[in-house]
Amino acid sequence: MLRKTVRDAAAWPVWEISDPWGLRYSAGSDCWRFNAAMRFARDTRLYPYCLEVGVRSARVGRFGHPTAETALPVDLEEEVTAVVADQAVLAGVLTSLDEQRFVFYTDSADWTAKLRGQLRSATGIATLSVNCDLDPKWHEYRSLRKMRDAAGPETFKVVGLCAAVFILCVAVQAAYHGAWGAGEAVVGIVLVASRWVRRNGVLRYPGQAALTFAASALALAAIVFPLLGLARVPAWAGLIISALAGPALAPVVRKARNRRWRPLRRTLRDSAGPIGFQSD
């Protein structure tokens, strides 16, 4: 389900970051983390003010959170958000070598006059700045999105998926001829579309989990079908077998995948702190 309002997007965030693996940050660039679900909100005009809260001397981890070595409290984001929760929504966070900046949007700037003192009392941090400017077109939020790494891992995954679909289509067409290759192409388009839906958090859980399983089953069926064609299995028989094999193999493949990658994910989590974005 689409997050049609800003408040809905804030309640069900989909966090994305500009450089997930720290490739550009290692050279000194900033790391943006933003709520991608807000791109679907239709009432952004009701929140025309951009509120920025800056805190000096933060250091960034791989996933856009302060590292364990920083002098700032680990729950700083929760403390800052709790103070403004009734008046503003968190759109993104910038963490650089010397600052952590929280970007909120709100419907009025009147209440922000005393916000600096309230935040200092809540966080105990004196090196804290507050700035609220009119931004009806949400230019600051758009800048967060545009800074996402266009050549990051997700882009390579999509390109790889498209290449795999092309190879499977060629294999099916060579084995069965006729419209079977076009059918495999349609399946590939559905897989790419489901990847976009899951990546952008269009569905809420449990809908997201169901879509993930369906996409995995469909992908496996799309792989089994051309293999059966290479084995000279008749087209309709191969279609039935692959349709049954996809859902049957999906749990097995997912379990094997989790077993393989869990140690790496645990290592990254321990080195970078809590991961604050939704995974696909």
C-alpha atoms as a PDB file:
ATOM      1  CA  MET A   1       0.000   0.000   0.000  1.00  0.00           C
ATOM      2  CA  LEU A   2       1.318   3.443  -0.948  1.00  0.00           C
ATOM      3  CA  ARG A   3       2.163   5.911   1.791  1.00  0.00           C
ATOM      4  CA  LYS A   4      -0.242   8.589   0.575  1.00  0.00           C
ATOM      5  CA  THR A   5       0.354  11.030   3.426  1.00  0.00           C
ATOM      6  CA  VAL A   6       3.485  12.420   5.025  1.00  0.00           C
ATOM      7  CA  ARG A   7       2.457  11.131   8.449  1.00  0.00           C
ATOM      8  CA  ASP A   8       1.815   7.666   7.028  1.00  0.00           C
ATOM      9  CA  ALA A   9       5.258   7.661   5.401  1.00  0.00           C
ATOM     10  CA  ALA A  10       6.826   8.736   8.691  1.00  0.00           C
ATOM     11  CA  ALA A  11       5.048   5.912  10.537  1.00  0.00           C
ATOM     12  CA  TRP A  12       6.139   3.303   7.941  1.00  0.00           C
ATOM     13  CA  PRO A  13       9.560   4.571   6.777  1.00  0.00           C
ATOM     14  CA  VAL A  14      11.684   3.013   4.028  1.00  0.00           C
ATOM     15  CA  TRP A  15      15.231   4.156   4.698  1.00  0.00           C
ATOM     16  CA  GLU A  16      17.720   4.434   1.864  1.00  0.00           C
ATOM     17  CA  ILE A  17      21.259   5.769   1.899  1.00  0.00           C
ATOM     18  CA  SER A  18      23.395   7.399  -0.750  1.00  0.00           C
ATOM     19  CA  ASP A  19      26.376   5.065  -0.454  1.00  0.00           C
ATOM     20  CA  PRO A  20      25.547   1.742   1.283  1.00  0.00           C
ATOM     21  CA  TRP A  21      29.086   0.329   1.178  1.00  0.00           C
ATOM     22  CA  GLY A  22      30.966   3.497   2.079  1.00  0.00           C
ATOM     23  CA  LEU A  23      32.865   3.604  -1.209  1.00  0.00           C
ATOM     24  CA  ARG A  24      32.627   7.359  -1.696  1.00  0.00           C
ATOM     25  CA  TYR A  25      32.534   8.192   1.995  1.00  0.00           C
ATOM     26  CA  SER A  26      35.970   6.643   2.398  1.00  0.00           C
ATOM     27  CA  ALA A  27      37.204   9.495   0.205  1.00  0.00           C
ATOM     28  CA  GLY A  28      35.620  12.079   2.502  1.00  0.00           C
ATOM     29  CA  SER A  29      32.112  12.494   1.085  1.00  0.00           C
ATOM     30  CA  ASP A  30      28.951  12.820   3.167  1.00  0.00           C
ATOM     31  CA  CYS A  31      26.446  10.050   3.797  1.00  0.00           C
ATOM     32  CA  TRP A  32      22.743  10.788   3.354  1.00  0.00           C
ATOM     33  CA  ARG A  33      20.001   8.586   4.797  1.00  0.00           C
ATOM     34  CA  PHE A  34      16.456   9.488   3.785  1.00  0.00           C
ATOM     35  CA  ASN A  35      12.905   8.144   4.053  1.00  0.00           C
ATOM     36  CA  ALA A  36      12.122   7.034   0.483  1.00  0.00           C
ATOM     37  CA  ALA A  37       8.474   6.348   1.350  1.00  0.00           C
ATOM     38  CA  MET A  38       7.799  10.094   1.428  1.00  0.00           C
ATOM     39  CA  ARG A  39       8.201  10.294  -2.333  1.00  0.00           C
ATOM     40  CA  PHE A  40       4.635   8.940  -2.626  1.00  0.00           C
ATOM     41  CA  ALA A  41       3.048  11.390  -0.162  1.00  0.00           C
ATOM     42  CA  ARG A  42       0.403  13.630  -1.722  1.00  0.00           C
ATOM     43  CA  ASP A  43       0.068  16.186   1.069  1.00  0.00           C
ATOM     44  CA  THR A  44       3.618  17.565   1.217  1.00  0.00           C
ATOM     45  CA  ARG A  45       2.163  21.062   0.644  1.00  0.00           C
ATOM     46  CA  LEU A  46       0.795  20.849   4.193  1.00  0.00           C
ATOM     47  CA  TYR A  47       4.387  20.752   5.512  1.00  0.00           C
ATOM     48  CA  PRO A  48       6.051  23.717   3.756  1.00  0.00           C
ATOM     49  CA  TYR A  49       8.812  24.356   6.326  1.00  0.00           C
ATOM     50  CA  CYS A  50      12.133  22.521   6.411  1.00  0.00           C
ATOM     51  CA  LEU A  51      13.506  22.200   9.935  1.00  0.00           C
ATOM     52  CA  GLU A  52      17.180  21.283  10.299  1.00  0.00           C
ATOM     53  CA  VAL A  53      18.774  20.251  13.578  1.00  0.00           C
ATOM     54  CA  GLY A  54      22.571  20.101  13.454  1.00  0.00           C
ATOM     55  CA  VAL A  55      24.877  18.434  15.948  1.00  0.00           C
ATOM     56  CA  ARG A  56      28.642  18.789  15.663  1.00  0.00           C
ATOM     57  CA  SER A  57      31.322  16.086  15.868  1.00  0.00           C
ATOM     58  CA  ALA A  58      29.536  12.976  14.604  1.00  0.00           C
ATOM     59  CA  ARG A  59      31.276  10.149  12.816  1.00  0.00           C
ATOM     60  CA  VAL A  60      29.536   7.908  10.319  1.00  0.00           C
ATOM     61  CA  GLY A  61      29.374   4.120  10.011  1.00  0.00           C
ATOM     62  CA  ARG A  62      28.764   2.131   6.866  1.00  0.00           C
ATOM     63  CA  PHE A  63      24.991   2.385   7.131  1.00  0.00           C
ATOM     64  CA  GLY A  64      24.603   6.079   7.842  1.00  0.00           C
ATOM     65  CA  HIS A  65      24.620   5.885  11.641  1.00  0.00           C
ATOM     66  CA  PRO A  66      27.175   7.275  14.100  1.00  0.00           C
ATOM     67  CA  THR A  67      29.963   4.844  14.939  1.00  0.00           C
ATOM     68  CA  ALA A  68      30.704   3.551  18.424  1.00  0.00           C
ATOM     69  CA  GLU A  69      33.687   5.923  18.674  1.00  0.00           C
ATOM     70  CA  THR A  70      31.569   9.081  18.466  1.00  0.00           C
ATOM     71  CA  ALA A  71      31.047  11.154  21.586  1.00  0.00           C
ATOM     72  CA  LEU A  72      27.371  11.604  20.715  1.00  0.00           C
ATOM     73  CA  PRO A  73      24.790   9.351  22.408  1.00  0.00           C
ATOM     74  CA  VAL A  74      23.765   6.316  20.380  1.00  0.00           C
ATOM     75  CA  ASP A  75      20.064   7.165  20.747  1.00  0.00           C
ATOM     76  CA  LEU A  76      20.508  10.811  19.708  1.00  0.00           C
ATOM     77  CA  GLU A  77      18.156  10.434  16.743  1.00  0.00           C
ATOM     78  CA  GLU A  78      15.432   9.026  18.983  1.00  0.00           C
ATOM     79  CA  GLU A  79      15.896  11.843  21.499  1.00  0.00           C
ATOM     80  CA  VAL A  80      15.725  14.572  18.860  1.00  0.00           C
ATOM     81  CA  THR A  81      12.767  12.982  17.100  1.00  0.00           C
ATOM     82  CA  ALA A  82      10.874  12.539  20.365  1.00  0.00           C
ATOM     83  CA  VAL A  83      11.050  16.278  21.074  1.00  0.00           C
ATOM     84  CA  VAL A  84       9.561  17.281  17.708  1.00  0.00           C
ATOM     85  CA  ALA A  85       7.409  14.209  17.015  1.00  0.00           C
ATOM     86  CA  ASP A  86       4.072  15.995  17.458  1.00  0.00           C
ATOM     87  CA  GLN A  87       5.061  18.911  15.229  1.00  0.00           C
ATOM     88  CA  ALA A  88       7.397  17.571  12.523  1.00  0.00           C
ATOM     89  CA  VAL A  89       8.348  14.439  10.562  1.00  0.00           C
ATOM     90  CA  LEU A  90      11.876  13.154   9.950  1.00  0.00           C
ATOM     91  CA  ALA A  91      12.727  13.127   6.230  1.00  0.00           C
ATOM     92  CA  GLY A  92      16.449  12.393   6.313  1.00  0.00           C
ATOM     93  CA  VAL A  93      19.781  12.475   8.141  1.00  0.00           C
ATOM     94  CA  LEU A  94      23.159  13.701   6.937  1.00  0.00           C
ATOM     95  CA  THR A  95      26.214  12.343   8.724  1.00  0.00           C
ATOM     96  CA  SER A  96      29.589  13.808   7.804  1.00  0.00           C
ATOM     97  CA  LEU A  97      33.035  13.896   9.375  1.00  0.00           C
ATOM     98  CA  ASP A  98      32.151  16.791  11.676  1.00  0.00           C
ATOM     99  CA  GLU A  99      28.339  16.991  11.852  1.00  0.00           C
ATOM    100  CA  GLN A 100      25.099  15.056  12.024  1.00  0.00           C
ATOM    101  CA  ARG A 101      22.128  16.935  10.599  1.00  0.00           C
ATOM    102  CA  PHE A 102      18.486  15.886  10.982  1.00  0.00           C
ATOM    103  CA  VAL A 103      16.076  17.151   8.315  1.00  0.00           C
ATOM    104  CA  PHE A 104      12.416  17.491   9.338  1.00  0.00           C
ATOM    105  CA  TYR A 105       9.340  18.987   7.692  1.00  0.00           C
ATOM    106  CA  THR A 106       6.646  20.823   9.589  1.00  0.00           C
ATOM    107  CA  ASP A 107       3.488  22.857   8.956  1.00  0.00           C
ATOM    108  CA  SER A 108       4.588  25.924  10.934  1.00  0.00           C
ATOM    109  CA  ALA A 109       7.754  27.679  12.027  1.00  0.00           C
ATOM    110  CA  ASP A 110       6.216  29.484  15.004  1.00  0.00           C
ATOM    111  CA  TRP A 111       6.807  26.693  17.509  1.00  0.00           C
ATOM    112  CA  THR A 112      10.527  26.365  16.617  1.00  0.00           C
ATOM    113  CA  ALA A 113      11.558  29.581  18.415  1.00  0.00           C
ATOM    114  CA  LYS A 114      12.201  27.742  21.687  1.00  0.00           C
ATOM    115  CA  LEU A 115      13.184  24.430  20.125  1.00  0.00           C
ATOM    116  CA  ARG A 116      16.928  24.853  20.558  1.00  0.00           C
ATOM    117  CA  GLY A 117      16.616  25.115  24.331  1.00  0.00           C
ATOM    118  CA  GLN A 118      14.238  22.158  24.461  1.00  0.00           C
ATOM    119  CA  LEU A 119      16.624  19.997  22.459  1.00  0.00           C
ATOM    120  CA  ARG A 120      19.582  21.000  24.618  1.00  0.00           C
ATOM    121  CA  SER A 121      17.660  20.007  27.722  1.00  0.00           C
ATOM    122  CA  ALA A 122      16.563  16.694  26.212  1.00  0.00           C
ATOM    123  CA  THR A 123      19.950  15.677  24.766  1.00  0.00           C
ATOM    124  CA  GLY A 124      22.391  17.443  27.071  1.00  0.00           C
ATOM    125  CA  ILE A 125      24.329  18.662  24.016  1.00  0.00           C
ATOM    126  CA  ALA A 126      25.357  22.321  23.866  1.00  0.00           C
ATOM    127  CA  THR A 127      26.821  22.240  20.321  1.00  0.00           C
ATOM    128  CA  LEU A 128      23.412  22.060  18.713  1.00  0.00           C
ATOM    129  CA  SER A 129      21.883  24.315  16.041  1.00  0.00           C
ATOM    130  CA  VAL A 130      18.312  24.761  14.780  1.00  0.00           C
ATOM    131  CA  ASN A 131      17.284  26.305  11.471  1.00  0.00           C
ATOM    132  CA  CYS A 132      13.793  26.489   9.949  1.00  0.00           C
ATOM    133  CA  ASP A 133      13.233  27.783   6.387  1.00  0.00           C
ATOM    134  CA  LEU A 134      10.329  27.864   3.970  1.00  0.00           C
ATOM    135  CA  ASP A 135      10.621  24.959   1.503  1.00  0.00           C
ATOM    136  CA  PRO A 136       7.167  24.333  -0.025  1.00  0.00           C
ATOM    137  CA  LYS A 137       8.585  22.313  -2.956  1.00  0.00           C
ATOM    138  CA  TRP A 138      10.618  20.057  -0.645  1.00  0.00           C
ATOM    139  CA  HIS A 139      13.844  20.890  -2.455  1.00  0.00           C
ATOM    140  CA  GLU A 140      15.946  19.720   0.487  1.00  0.00           C
ATOM    141  CA  TYR A 141      14.288  16.307   0.488  1.00  0.00           C
ATOM    142  CA  ARG A 142      14.743  16.006  -3.260  1.00  0.00           C
ATOM    143  CA  SER A 143      18.428  16.738  -2.808  1.00  0.00           C
ATOM    144  CA  LEU A 144      18.624  13.831  -0.355  1.00  0.00           C
ATOM    145  CA  ARG A 145      17.150  11.526  -2.973  1.00  0.00           C
ATOM    146  CA  LYS A 146      19.313  12.799  -5.813  1.00  0.00           C
ATOM    147  CA  MET A 147      22.471  12.165  -3.804  1.00  0.00           C
ATOM    148  CA  ARG A 148      21.732   8.428  -3.773  1.00  0.00           C
ATOM    149  CA  ASP A 149      24.585   6.589  -5.434  1.00  0.00           C
ATOM    150  CA  ALA A 150      23.411   5.911  -9.011  1.00  0.00           C
ATOM    151  CA  ALA A 151      26.178   3.336  -9.466  1.00  0.00           C
ATOM    152  CA  GLY A 152      25.553   1.564  -6.188  1.00  0.00           C
ATOM    153  CA  PRO A 153      24.882  -2.125  -5.512  1.00  0.00           C
ATOM    154  CA  GLU A 154      21.135  -1.840  -6.211  1.00  0.00           C
ATOM    155  CA  THR A 155      21.776  -0.513  -9.722  1.00  0.00           C
ATOM    156  CA  PHE A 156      24.098  -3.420 -10.458  1.00  0.00           C
ATOM    157  CA  LYS A 157      21.494  -5.853  -9.144  1.00  0.00           C
ATOM    158  CA  VAL A 158      18.836  -4.495 -11.493  1.00  0.00           C
ATOM    159  CA  VAL A 159      21.228  -4.531 -14.467  1.00  0.00           C
ATOM    160  CA  GLY A 160      22.233  -8.106 -13.611  1.00  0.00           C
ATOM    161  CA  LEU A 161      18.588  -9.134 -13.333  1.00  0.00           C
ATOM    162  CA  CYS A 162      17.825  -7.669 -16.761  1.00  0.00           C
ATOM    163  CA  ALA A 163      20.819  -9.468 -18.271  1.00  0.00           C
ATOM    164  CA  ALA A 164      19.711 -12.767 -16.710  1.00  0.00           C
ATOM    165  CA  VAL A 165      16.181 -12.299 -18.064  1.00  0.00           C
ATOM    166  CA  PHE A 166      17.574 -11.709 -21.553  1.00  0.00           C
ATOM    167  CA  ILE A 167      19.648 -14.910 -21.426  1.00  0.00           C
ATOM    168  CA  LEU A 168      16.662 -16.934 -20.186  1.00  0.00           C
ATOM    169  CA  CYS A 169      14.469 -15.528 -22.963  1.00  0.00           C
ATOM    170  CA  VAL A 170      17.032 -16.532 -25.581  1.00  0.00           C
ATOM    171  CA  ALA A 171      17.252 -20.045 -24.106  1.00  0.00           C
ATOM    172  CA  VAL A 172      13.462 -20.481 -24.055  1.00  0.00           C
ATOM    173  CA  GLN A 173      13.079 -19.182 -27.602  1.00  0.00           C
ATOM    174  CA  ALA A 174      15.793 -21.541 -28.846  1.00  0.00           C
ATOM    175  CA  ALA A 175      14.165 -24.523 -27.113  1.00  0.00           C
ATOM    176  CA  TYR A 176      10.467 -23.962 -27.816  1.00  0.00           C
ATOM    177  CA  HIS A 177      10.220 -21.224 -30.499  1.00  0.00           C
ATOM    178  CA  GLY A 178       6.876 -19.499 -31.079  1.00  0.00           C
ATOM    179  CA  ALA A 179       5.560 -17.192 -28.345  1.00  0.00           C
ATOM    180  CA  TRP A 180       7.305 -18.968 -25.477  1.00  0.00           C
ATOM    181  CA  GLY A 181      10.218 -16.572 -25.529  1.00  0.00           C
ATOM    182  CA  ALA A 182       7.827 -13.612 -25.285  1.00  0.00           C
ATOM    183  CA  GLY A 183       6.147 -15.298 -22.309  1.00  0.00           C
ATOM    184  CA  GLU A 184       9.497 -15.608 -20.559  1.00  0.00           C
ATOM    185  CA  ALA A 185      10.113 -11.912 -21.261  1.00  0.00           C
ATOM    186  CA  VAL A 186       6.795 -11.012 -19.615  1.00  0.00           C
ATOM    187  CA  VAL A 187       7.829 -13.001 -16.549  1.00  0.00           C
ATOM    188  CA  GLY A 188      11.107 -11.093 -16.497  1.00  0.00           C
ATOM    189  CA  ILE A 189       9.312  -7.751 -16.624  1.00  0.00           C
ATOM    190  CA  VAL A 190       7.143  -8.844 -13.688  1.00  0.00           C
ATOM    191  CA  LEU A 191      10.271  -9.775 -11.716  1.00  0.00           C
ATOM    192  CA  VAL A 192      11.928  -6.402 -12.362  1.00  0.00           C
ATOM    193  CA  ALA A 193       8.703  -4.609 -11.380  1.00  0.00           C
ATOM    194  CA  SER A 194       8.406  -6.617  -8.165  1.00  0.00           C
ATOM    195  CA  ARG A 195      12.013  -5.742  -7.364  1.00  0.00           C
ATOM    196  CA  TRP A 196      11.137  -2.037  -7.665  1.00  0.00           C
ATOM    197  CA  VAL A 197       8.008  -2.448  -5.524  1.00  0.00           C
ATOM    198  CA  ARG A 198       9.893  -4.262  -2.756  1.00  0.00           C
ATOM    199  CA  ARG A 199      12.860  -1.884  -2.877  1.00  0.00           C
ATOM    200  CA  ASN A 200      10.676   1.210  -2.595  1.00  0.00           C
ATOM    201  CA  GLY A 201       8.432  -0.151   0.142  1.00  0.00           C
ATOM    202  CA  VAL A 202       5.193   0.299  -1.813  1.00  0.00           C
ATOM    203  CA  LEU A 203       3.586  -2.538   0.161  1.00  0.00           C
ATOM    204  CA  ARG A 204       3.351  -2.825   3.914  1.00  0.00           C
ATOM    205  CA  TYR A 205       4.093  -5.987   5.788  1.00  0.00           C
ATOM    206  CA  PRO A 206       2.829  -8.735   5.575  1.00  0.00           C
ATOM    207  CA  GLY A 207       2.168  -7.807   1.933  1.00  0.00           C
ATOM    208  CA  GLN A 208       5.887  -7.212   1.419  1.00  0.00           C
ATOM    209  CA  ALA A 209       6.782 -10.682   2.737  1.00  0.00           C
ATOM    210  CA  ALA A 210       4.181 -12.335   0.498  1.00  0.00           C
ATOM    211  CA  LEU A 211       5.481 -10.441  -2.547  1.00  0.00           C
ATOM    212  CA  THR A 212       9.054 -11.461  -1.732  1.00  0.00           C
ATOM    213  CA  PHE A 213       8.082 -15.145  -1.628  1.00  0.00           C
ATOM    214  CA  ALA A 214       6.052 -14.875  -4.840  1.00  0.00           C
ATOM    215  CA  ALA A 215       8.931 -13.135  -6.629  1.00  0.00           C
ATOM    216  CA  SER A 216      11.389 -15.808  -5.476  1.00  0.00           C
ATOM    217  CA  ALA A 217       9.060 -18.602  -6.621  1.00  0.00           C
ATOM    218  CA  LEU A 218       8.507 -16.930  -9.989  1.00  0.00           C
ATOM    219  CA  ALA A 219      12.236 -16.370 -10.488  1.00  0.00           C
ATOM    220  CA  LEU A 220      13.018 -20.017  -9.770  1.00  0.00           C
ATOM    221  CA  ALA A 221      10.252 -21.161 -12.114  1.00  0.00           C
ATOM    222  CA  ALA A 222      11.674 -18.883 -14.819  1.00  0.00           C
ATOM    223  CA  ILE A 223      15.066 -20.562 -14.368  1.00  0.00           C
ATOM    224  CA  VAL A 224      13.741 -24.136 -14.302  1.00  0.00           C
ATOM    225  CA  PHE A 225      11.627 -23.701 -17.451  1.00  0.00           C
ATOM    226  CA  PRO A 226      14.505 -23.062 -19.921  1.00  0.00           C
ATOM    227  CA  LEU A 227      16.551 -25.831 -18.286  1.00  0.00           C
ATOM    228  CA  LEU A 228      13.720 -28.242 -19.002  1.00  0.00           C
ATOM    229  CA  GLY A 229      13.650 -26.938 -22.558  1.00  0.00           C
ATOM    230  CA  LEU A 230      17.336 -27.761 -22.959  1.00  0.00           C
ATOM    231  CA  ALA A 231      16.499 -31.255 -21.679  1.00  0.00           C
ATOM    232  CA  ARG A 232      13.892 -31.613 -24.486  1.00  0.00           C
ATOM    233  CA  VAL A 233      10.913 -31.672 -22.127  1.00  0.00           C
ATOM    234  CA  PRO A 234       7.697 -30.678 -23.995  1.00  0.00           C
ATOM    235  CA  ALA A 235       6.719 -27.032 -23.480  1.00  0.00           C
ATOM    236  CA  TRP A 236       3.432 -27.510 -21.607  1.00  0.00           C
ATOM    237  CA  ALA A 237       4.892 -30.238 -19.414  1.00  0.00           C
ATOM    238  CA  GLY A 238       7.869 -28.007 -18.672  1.00  0.00           C
ATOM    239  CA  LEU A 239       5.543 -25.125 -17.802  1.00  0.00           C
ATOM    240  CA  ILE A 240       3.623 -27.251 -15.287  1.00  0.00           C
ATOM    241  CA  ILE A 241       6.797 -28.688 -13.740  1.00  0.00           C
ATOM    242  CA  SER A 242       8.444 -25.279 -13.399  1.00  0.00           C
ATOM    243  CA  ALA A 243       5.249 -23.768 -11.932  1.00  0.00           C
ATOM    244  CA  LEU A 244       5.306 -26.449  -9.220  1.00  0.00           C
ATOM    245  CA  ALA A 245       9.064 -26.343  -8.712  1.00  0.00           C
ATOM    246  CA  GLY A 246       9.231 -22.569  -8.091  1.00  0.00           C
ATOM    247  CA  PRO A 247       7.143 -22.455  -4.871  1.00  0.00           C
ATOM    248  CA  ALA A 248       8.689 -25.726  -3.685  1.00  0.00           C
ATOM    249  CA  LEU A 249      12.278 -24.530  -4.097  1.00  0.00           C
ATOM    250  CA  ALA A 250      11.775 -20.966  -2.818  1.00  0.00           C
ATOM    251  CA  PRO A 251      11.919 -21.818   0.930  1.00  0.00           C
ATOM    252  CA  VAL A 252      14.962 -24.048   0.402  1.00  0.00           C
ATOM    253  CA  VAL A 253      16.869 -21.405  -1.547  1.00  0.00           C
ATOM    254  CA  ARG A 254      15.975 -18.680   0.959  1.00  0.00           C
ATOM    255  CA  LYS A 255      17.140 -20.812   3.868  1.00  0.00           C
ATOM    256  CA  ALA A 256      20.436 -21.582   2.138  1.00  0.00           C
ATOM    257  CA  ARG A 257      20.921 -17.928   1.268  1.00  0.00           C
ATOM    258  CA  ASN A 258      20.321 -16.788   4.848  1.00  0.00           C
ATOM    259  CA  ARG A 259      22.729 -19.410   6.172  1.00  0.00           C
ATOM    260  CA  ARG A 260      25.427 -18.182   3.800  1.00  0.00           C
ATOM    261  CA  TRP A 261      25.033 -14.425   4.355  1.00  0.00           C
ATOM    262  CA  ARG A 262      24.073 -14.297   8.042  1.00  0.00           C
ATOM    263  CA  PRO A 263      27.727 -14.223   9.304  1.00  0.00           C
ATOM    264  CA  LEU A 264      28.539 -11.303   6.955  1.00  0.00           C
ATOM    265  CA  ARG A 265      25.431  -9.370   7.992  1.00  0.00           C
ATOM    266  CA  ARG A 266      26.249  -9.941  11.664  1.00  0.00           C
ATOM    267  CA  THR A 267      29.784  -8.621  11.104  1.00  0.00           C
ATOM    268  CA  LEU A 268      28.510  -5.495   9.325  1.00  0.00           C
ATOM    269  CA  ARG A 269      25.909  -4.894  12.029  1.00  0.00           C
ATOM    270  CA  ASP A 270      28.477  -5.163  14.808  1.00  0.00           C
ATOM    271  CA  SER A 271      30.856  -2.777  13.059  1.00  0.00           C
ATOM    272  CA  ALA A 272      28.260  -0.177  12.025  1.00  0.00           C
ATOM    273  CA  GLY A 273      25.701  -0.204  14.824  1.00  0.00           C
ATOM    274  CA  PRO A 274      21.942  -0.651  14.348  1.00  0.00           C
ATOM    275  CA  ILE A 275      20.735  -0.680  10.765  1.00  0.00           C
ATOM    276  CA  GLY A 276      17.870   1.787  10.453  1.00  0.00           C
ATOM    277  CA  PHE A 277      16.478   0.969   7.020  1.00  0.00           C
ATOM    278  CA  GLN A 278      14.117  -1.657   5.667  1.00  0.00           C
ATOM    279  CA  SER A 279      15.715  -4.449   3.744  1.00  0.00           C
ATOM    280  CA  ASP A 280      14.155  -6.085   0.744  1.00  0.00           C
END
